[in-house]
Amino acid sequence: GAKLRIYFPDEGSAALARRDWKPEVPSCVEFSSCGGVQVADTSKDSVVLFFCPRASEAEFVEQILYETEEKRGDELMLTVMVNPLLVD
């Protein structure tokens, strides 16, 4: 089914979320990090949440947004940025 993906600023934060939140969230929620090597299957992402993206991740965030929109098209329901620290 459809997935909600939460991107954290770094892999350490994503790993902590996986460890601490996984028992509390449904299986349709997956955690990833901004930057680095992306190995997660994002083909089912319908909701994308960026948690505190920083200016250093701006290019990655933009790339993910374009790729997700390209893959999912009309099935991408929502993208949310929580407390972004991005610079134009």
N, C-alpha and C. Protein backbone atom coordinates (compact mmCIF):
# COMPACT_ATOMS: atom_id res chain seq x y z
N GLY A 1 0.82 -1.19 0.00
CA GLY A 1 0.00 0.00 0.00
C GLY A 1 0.86 1.25 0.00
N ALA A 2 0.20 2.35 0.12
CA ALA A 2 0.86 3.66 0.14
C ALA A 2 1.71 3.83 1.40
N LYS A 3 2.76 4.61 1.27
CA LYS A 3 3.70 4.85 2.38
C LYS A 3 3.79 6.32 2.71
N LEU A 4 4.07 6.61 3.98
CA LEU A 4 4.44 7.94 4.45
C LEU A 4 5.92 7.86 4.79
N ARG A 5 6.74 8.71 4.17
CA ARG A 5 8.18 8.69 4.42
C ARG A 5 8.58 9.96 5.15
N ILE A 6 9.33 9.79 6.23
CA ILE A 6 9.84 10.92 7.01
C ILE A 6 11.34 11.00 6.79
N TYR A 7 11.80 12.14 6.27
CA TYR A 7 13.23 12.39 6.06
C TYR A 7 13.77 13.22 7.21
N PHE A 8 14.85 12.75 7.84
CA PHE A 8 15.54 13.47 8.89
C PHE A 8 16.81 14.09 8.32
N PRO A 9 17.38 15.10 9.00
CA PRO A 9 18.58 15.78 8.47
C PRO A 9 19.79 14.87 8.32
N ASP A 10 19.89 13.83 9.13
CA ASP A 10 21.06 12.95 9.06
C ASP A 10 20.66 11.52 9.41
N GLU A 11 21.55 10.59 9.09
CA GLU A 11 21.26 9.17 9.32
C GLU A 11 21.14 8.85 10.81
N GLY A 12 21.88 9.55 11.67
CA GLY A 12 21.78 9.31 13.11
C GLY A 12 20.38 9.58 13.63
N SER A 13 19.80 10.68 13.21
CA SER A 13 18.43 11.01 13.63
C SER A 13 17.43 9.99 13.09
N ALA A 14 17.62 9.59 11.83
CA ALA A 14 16.72 8.60 11.24
C ALA A 14 16.84 7.25 11.97
N ALA A 15 18.06 6.88 12.33
CA ALA A 15 18.27 5.62 13.05
C ALA A 15 17.62 5.65 14.44
N LEU A 16 17.74 6.78 15.12
CA LEU A 16 17.08 6.91 16.43
C LEU A 16 15.57 6.81 16.29
N ALA A 17 15.01 7.44 15.26
CA ALA A 17 13.57 7.36 15.03
C ALA A 17 13.14 5.92 14.75
N ARG A 18 13.92 5.23 13.92
CA ARG A 18 13.60 3.82 13.64
C ARG A 18 13.58 3.00 14.93
N ARG A 19 14.56 3.23 15.76
CA ARG A 19 14.67 2.46 17.00
C ARG A 19 13.58 2.84 18.00
N ASP A 20 13.37 4.15 18.19
CA ASP A 20 12.48 4.60 19.26
C ASP A 20 11.01 4.70 18.85
N TRP A 21 10.75 5.00 17.60
CA TRP A 21 9.36 5.23 17.18
C TRP A 21 8.72 4.03 16.51
N LYS A 22 9.52 3.12 15.98
CA LYS A 22 8.97 2.03 15.17
C LYS A 22 7.85 1.26 15.88
N PRO A 23 7.98 0.95 17.17
CA PRO A 23 6.87 0.23 17.82
C PRO A 23 5.59 1.07 17.90
N GLU A 24 5.72 2.38 17.81
CA GLU A 24 4.59 3.28 18.01
C GLU A 24 3.88 3.68 16.73
N VAL A 25 4.51 3.50 15.58
CA VAL A 25 3.93 3.96 14.31
C VAL A 25 3.53 2.77 13.44
N PRO A 26 2.54 2.96 12.58
CA PRO A 26 2.12 1.86 11.71
C PRO A 26 3.19 1.50 10.68
N SER A 27 3.07 0.33 10.11
CA SER A 27 4.09 -0.17 9.17
C SER A 27 4.14 0.64 7.87
N CYS A 28 3.16 1.48 7.62
CA CYS A 28 3.17 2.30 6.40
C CYS A 28 4.08 3.52 6.53
N VAL A 29 4.66 3.73 7.72
CA VAL A 29 5.57 4.86 7.95
C VAL A 29 7.00 4.36 7.87
N GLU A 30 7.82 5.05 7.05
CA GLU A 30 9.23 4.67 6.92
C GLU A 30 10.10 5.89 7.16
N PHE A 31 11.31 5.65 7.66
CA PHE A 31 12.24 6.72 8.02
C PHE A 31 13.45 6.70 7.09
N SER A 32 13.88 7.89 6.65
CA SER A 32 15.06 8.04 5.80
C SER A 32 15.82 9.27 6.25
N SER A 33 17.00 9.45 5.66
CA SER A 33 17.80 10.64 5.98
C SER A 33 18.06 11.43 4.71
N CYS A 34 18.32 12.71 4.88
CA CYS A 34 18.69 13.57 3.76
C CYS A 34 20.15 13.32 3.42
N GLY A 35 20.45 13.18 2.16
CA GLY A 35 21.82 12.96 1.74
C GLY A 35 22.23 11.51 1.86
N GLY A 36 23.49 11.27 1.56
CA GLY A 36 24.00 9.91 1.63
C GLY A 36 23.47 9.05 0.49
N VAL A 37 23.69 7.77 0.59
CA VAL A 37 23.23 6.82 -0.41
C VAL A 37 21.80 6.42 -0.07
N GLN A 38 20.91 6.62 -1.02
CA GLN A 38 19.51 6.29 -0.82
C GLN A 38 19.22 4.90 -1.36
N VAL A 39 18.88 3.98 -0.49
CA VAL A 39 18.58 2.61 -0.91
C VAL A 39 17.12 2.24 -0.69
N ALA A 40 16.37 3.11 -0.04
CA ALA A 40 14.97 2.82 0.26
C ALA A 40 14.13 2.84 -1.01
N ASP A 41 13.14 1.95 -1.07
CA ASP A 41 12.20 1.93 -2.18
C ASP A 41 11.17 3.03 -1.95
N THR A 42 11.21 4.07 -2.75
CA THR A 42 10.30 5.20 -2.59
C THR A 42 9.15 5.16 -3.59
N SER A 43 9.00 4.05 -4.28
CA SER A 43 7.99 3.96 -5.33
C SER A 43 6.56 3.98 -4.81
N LYS A 44 6.36 3.75 -3.52
CA LYS A 44 5.02 3.74 -2.94
C LYS A 44 4.74 4.94 -2.05
N ASP A 45 5.69 5.88 -1.99
CA ASP A 45 5.51 7.05 -1.13
C ASP A 45 4.37 7.92 -1.63
N SER A 46 3.40 8.18 -0.76
CA SER A 46 2.29 9.08 -1.10
C SER A 46 2.33 10.36 -0.28
N VAL A 47 2.96 10.29 0.88
CA VAL A 47 3.14 11.46 1.73
C VAL A 47 4.62 11.52 2.11
N VAL A 48 5.23 12.69 1.91
CA VAL A 48 6.65 12.87 2.22
C VAL A 48 6.77 14.01 3.23
N LEU A 49 7.45 13.74 4.33
CA LEU A 49 7.63 14.73 5.38
C LEU A 49 9.12 14.95 5.59
N PHE A 50 9.56 16.19 5.49
CA PHE A 50 10.96 16.55 5.76
C PHE A 50 10.99 17.19 7.13
N PHE A 51 11.72 16.58 8.06
CA PHE A 51 11.79 17.07 9.43
C PHE A 51 13.06 17.88 9.61
N CYS A 52 12.93 19.19 9.75
CA CYS A 52 14.02 20.13 9.97
C CYS A 52 15.12 20.05 8.92
N PRO A 53 14.76 20.11 7.63
CA PRO A 53 15.85 20.13 6.63
C PRO A 53 16.65 21.41 6.74
N ARG A 54 17.97 21.29 6.58
CA ARG A 54 18.87 22.44 6.69
C ARG A 54 19.29 22.91 5.31
N ALA A 55 19.92 24.05 5.26
CA ALA A 55 20.38 24.61 3.99
C ALA A 55 21.32 23.64 3.27
N SER A 56 22.12 22.91 4.02
CA SER A 56 23.06 21.97 3.41
C SER A 56 22.34 20.81 2.72
N GLU A 57 21.07 20.59 3.04
CA GLU A 57 20.29 19.52 2.39
C GLU A 57 19.35 20.05 1.32
N ALA A 58 19.40 21.35 1.03
CA ALA A 58 18.44 21.97 0.09
C ALA A 58 18.45 21.27 -1.27
N GLU A 59 19.62 20.99 -1.80
CA GLU A 59 19.71 20.34 -3.11
C GLU A 59 19.11 18.93 -3.06
N PHE A 60 19.39 18.20 -1.98
CA PHE A 60 18.84 16.85 -1.82
C PHE A 60 17.32 16.90 -1.72
N VAL A 61 16.79 17.83 -0.93
CA VAL A 61 15.33 17.96 -0.77
C VAL A 61 14.69 18.22 -2.12
N GLU A 62 15.26 19.13 -2.87
CA GLU A 62 14.72 19.45 -4.20
C GLU A 62 14.77 18.22 -5.11
N GLN A 63 15.87 17.51 -5.09
CA GLN A 63 16.01 16.30 -5.91
C GLN A 63 14.96 15.26 -5.53
N ILE A 64 14.78 15.03 -4.25
CA ILE A 64 13.78 14.05 -3.79
C ILE A 64 12.38 14.47 -4.20
N LEU A 65 12.08 15.75 -4.08
CA LEU A 65 10.76 16.23 -4.48
C LEU A 65 10.51 15.97 -5.97
N TYR A 66 11.47 16.30 -6.81
CA TYR A 66 11.32 16.06 -8.25
C TYR A 66 11.18 14.57 -8.56
N GLU A 67 12.04 13.75 -7.96
CA GLU A 67 12.01 12.31 -8.23
C GLU A 67 10.71 11.68 -7.76
N THR A 68 10.24 12.07 -6.58
CA THR A 68 9.00 11.50 -6.05
C THR A 68 7.82 11.92 -6.91
N GLU A 69 7.81 13.17 -7.31
CA GLU A 69 6.72 13.64 -8.18
C GLU A 69 6.75 12.90 -9.52
N GLU A 70 7.96 12.67 -10.04
CA GLU A 70 8.09 11.96 -11.30
C GLU A 70 7.61 10.51 -11.19
N LYS A 71 7.98 9.85 -10.10
CA LYS A 71 7.59 8.45 -9.88
C LYS A 71 6.11 8.31 -9.56
N ARG A 72 5.61 9.18 -8.70
CA ARG A 72 4.26 9.00 -8.16
C ARG A 72 3.20 9.83 -8.85
N GLY A 73 3.59 10.94 -9.49
CA GLY A 73 2.63 11.76 -10.22
C GLY A 73 1.44 12.17 -9.35
N ASP A 74 0.25 11.83 -9.81
CA ASP A 74 -0.98 12.20 -9.10
C ASP A 74 -1.17 11.44 -7.79
N GLU A 75 -0.40 10.38 -7.58
CA GLU A 75 -0.54 9.60 -6.36
C GLU A 75 0.23 10.20 -5.17
N LEU A 76 1.07 11.21 -5.45
CA LEU A 76 1.74 11.93 -4.37
C LEU A 76 0.73 12.90 -3.79
N MET A 77 0.28 12.62 -2.58
CA MET A 77 -0.81 13.37 -1.97
C MET A 77 -0.35 14.64 -1.27
N LEU A 78 0.82 14.58 -0.61
CA LEU A 78 1.20 15.69 0.25
C LEU A 78 2.69 15.67 0.53
N THR A 79 3.29 16.85 0.56
CA THR A 79 4.67 17.03 1.00
C THR A 79 4.67 18.09 2.08
N VAL A 80 5.30 17.81 3.20
CA VAL A 80 5.32 18.74 4.33
C VAL A 80 6.76 18.95 4.77
N MET A 81 7.10 20.21 5.05
CA MET A 81 8.41 20.53 5.64
C MET A 81 8.16 21.09 7.02
N VAL A 82 8.69 20.42 8.02
CA VAL A 82 8.54 20.84 9.41
C VAL A 82 9.78 21.62 9.81
N ASN A 83 9.61 22.88 10.16
CA ASN A 83 10.69 23.73 10.63
C ASN A 83 11.88 23.75 9.68
N PRO A 84 11.65 24.08 8.40
CA PRO A 84 12.77 24.09 7.47
C PRO A 84 13.73 25.23 7.73
N LEU A 85 15.00 24.96 7.54
CA LEU A 85 16.05 25.95 7.67
C LEU A 85 16.76 26.11 6.33
N LEU A 86 15.95 26.14 5.26
CA LEU A 86 16.48 26.21 3.90
C LEU A 86 16.72 27.66 3.50
N VAL A 87 17.70 27.85 2.63
CA VAL A 87 18.04 29.18 2.13
C VAL A 87 17.91 29.14 0.61
N ASP A 88 17.33 30.18 0.02
CA ASP A 88 17.18 30.23 -1.43
C ASP A 88 18.50 30.66 -2.06
